[in-house]
Amino acid sequence: MPLTEQQKKRLRGLGHKLKPVITVGSGGLSDSLLEEFETSLQHHELMKVKVNTGDRDERDTTIRALCEYSGAQLIQRVGNIGLLFRKKKKHSTFAAL
């Protein structure tokens, strides 16, 4: 479900103070990086990703690939930093109790 502009604005405000959790280097998107990214996104919901690859088009492609892989939404991209959001899935840990 797409976020409204008002929701994105609020998330940008919350994300302003965050530090990048994942850094994509010149090696690109490896299996281990994608695994760590998925784990971090499950835990954080809103996180920054730093992409240190090539030019603007290559950074955009990398961020788009991360979003497609994870189902996250790009909230904002400034330079080589992308702010991504994916709502946590509800866990039914206590449903059986």
Protein backbone atom coordinates (compact mmCIF):
# COMPACT_ATOMS: atom_id res chain seq x y z
CA MET A 1 0.00 0.00 0.00
CA PRO A 2 1.58 3.29 -1.10
CA LEU A 3 2.28 5.88 1.55
CA THR A 4 0.71 9.33 1.42
CA GLU A 5 2.91 12.41 1.13
CA GLN A 6 2.07 13.30 4.73
CA GLN A 7 3.27 9.87 5.91
CA LYS A 8 6.46 10.19 3.84
CA LYS A 9 7.09 13.63 5.33
CA ARG A 10 6.79 12.22 8.84
CA LEU A 11 9.12 9.32 8.00
CA ARG A 12 11.69 11.73 6.52
CA GLY A 13 11.62 13.63 9.81
CA LEU A 14 12.12 10.43 11.80
CA GLY A 15 14.87 9.25 9.47
CA HIS A 16 16.84 12.49 9.64
CA LYS A 17 18.70 11.47 12.81
CA LEU A 18 19.37 7.87 11.71
CA LYS A 19 22.78 6.58 10.66
CA PRO A 20 23.13 4.17 7.71
CA VAL A 21 22.66 0.56 8.80
CA ILE A 22 23.88 -1.08 5.58
CA THR A 23 26.63 0.10 3.22
CA VAL A 24 26.73 -1.22 -0.34
CA GLY A 25 30.29 -1.04 -1.61
CA SER A 26 31.93 -1.53 -4.96
CA GLY A 27 31.14 -5.27 -4.76
CA GLY A 28 27.46 -4.51 -5.28
CA LEU A 29 24.59 -6.62 -3.99
CA SER A 30 25.96 -9.97 -2.81
CA ASP A 31 23.87 -12.73 -1.26
CA SER A 32 25.31 -12.05 2.19
CA LEU A 33 24.58 -8.32 1.89
CA LEU A 34 20.98 -9.00 0.83
CA GLU A 35 20.58 -11.39 3.76
CA GLU A 36 21.91 -8.79 6.22
CA PHE A 37 19.72 -6.11 4.61
CA GLU A 38 16.60 -8.26 5.03
CA THR A 39 17.44 -9.01 8.68
CA SER A 40 18.08 -5.34 9.42
CA LEU A 41 14.86 -4.25 7.72
CA GLN A 42 12.82 -6.76 9.74
CA HIS A 43 14.26 -5.26 12.89
CA HIS A 44 14.26 -1.53 12.03
CA GLU A 45 11.33 -0.87 9.66
CA LEU A 46 12.82 2.54 8.76
CA MET A 47 16.50 2.56 7.87
CA LYS A 48 19.15 4.33 5.88
CA VAL A 49 21.28 2.57 3.30
CA LYS A 50 24.55 4.01 2.03
CA VAL A 51 25.40 3.13 -1.58
CA ASN A 52 29.05 3.73 -2.56
CA THR A 53 28.86 2.58 -6.16
CA GLY A 54 29.52 4.46 -9.38
CA ASP A 55 27.40 7.30 -10.61
CA ARG A 56 23.86 8.46 -9.86
CA ASP A 57 22.21 5.98 -12.24
CA GLU A 58 24.06 3.05 -10.70
CA ARG A 59 23.08 4.18 -7.18
CA ASP A 60 19.44 4.53 -8.27
CA THR A 61 19.52 1.05 -9.81
CA THR A 62 21.01 -0.44 -6.62
CA ILE A 63 18.43 1.23 -4.37
CA ARG A 64 15.61 0.17 -6.71
CA ALA A 65 16.91 -3.42 -6.62
CA LEU A 66 16.95 -3.37 -2.80
CA CYS A 67 13.36 -2.11 -2.77
CA GLU A 68 12.19 -4.76 -5.23
CA TYR A 69 14.03 -7.52 -3.33
CA SER A 70 12.58 -6.56 0.04
CA GLY A 71 9.25 -4.95 -0.75
CA ALA A 72 10.45 -1.74 0.93
CA GLN A 73 9.51 1.73 -0.23
CA LEU A 74 12.01 4.45 -1.00
CA ILE A 75 11.09 7.46 1.13
CA GLN A 76 13.97 9.70 0.12
CA ARG A 77 17.35 9.61 -1.57
CA VAL A 78 19.93 12.30 -0.95
CA GLY A 79 23.28 11.75 -2.63
CA ASN A 80 24.40 8.21 -1.86
CA ILE A 81 22.00 7.70 1.08
CA GLY A 82 18.57 6.11 0.66
CA LEU A 83 15.88 6.10 3.34
CA LEU A 84 13.79 2.92 3.07
CA PHE A 85 10.65 1.83 4.89
CA ARG A 86 8.83 -1.46 5.17
CA LYS A 87 6.09 -2.02 7.72
CA LYS A 88 6.79 -4.88 10.09
CA LYS A 89 4.76 -8.01 9.58
CA LYS A 90 2.50 -8.96 12.46
CA HIS A 91 3.72 -11.97 14.37
CA SER A 92 1.18 -14.32 15.85
CA THR A 93 3.47 -15.59 18.61
CA PHE A 94 0.80 -15.33 21.29
CA ALA A 95 -2.17 -16.34 19.13
CA ALA A 96 -2.15 -19.87 20.52
CA LEU A 97 -2.26 -18.75 24.17
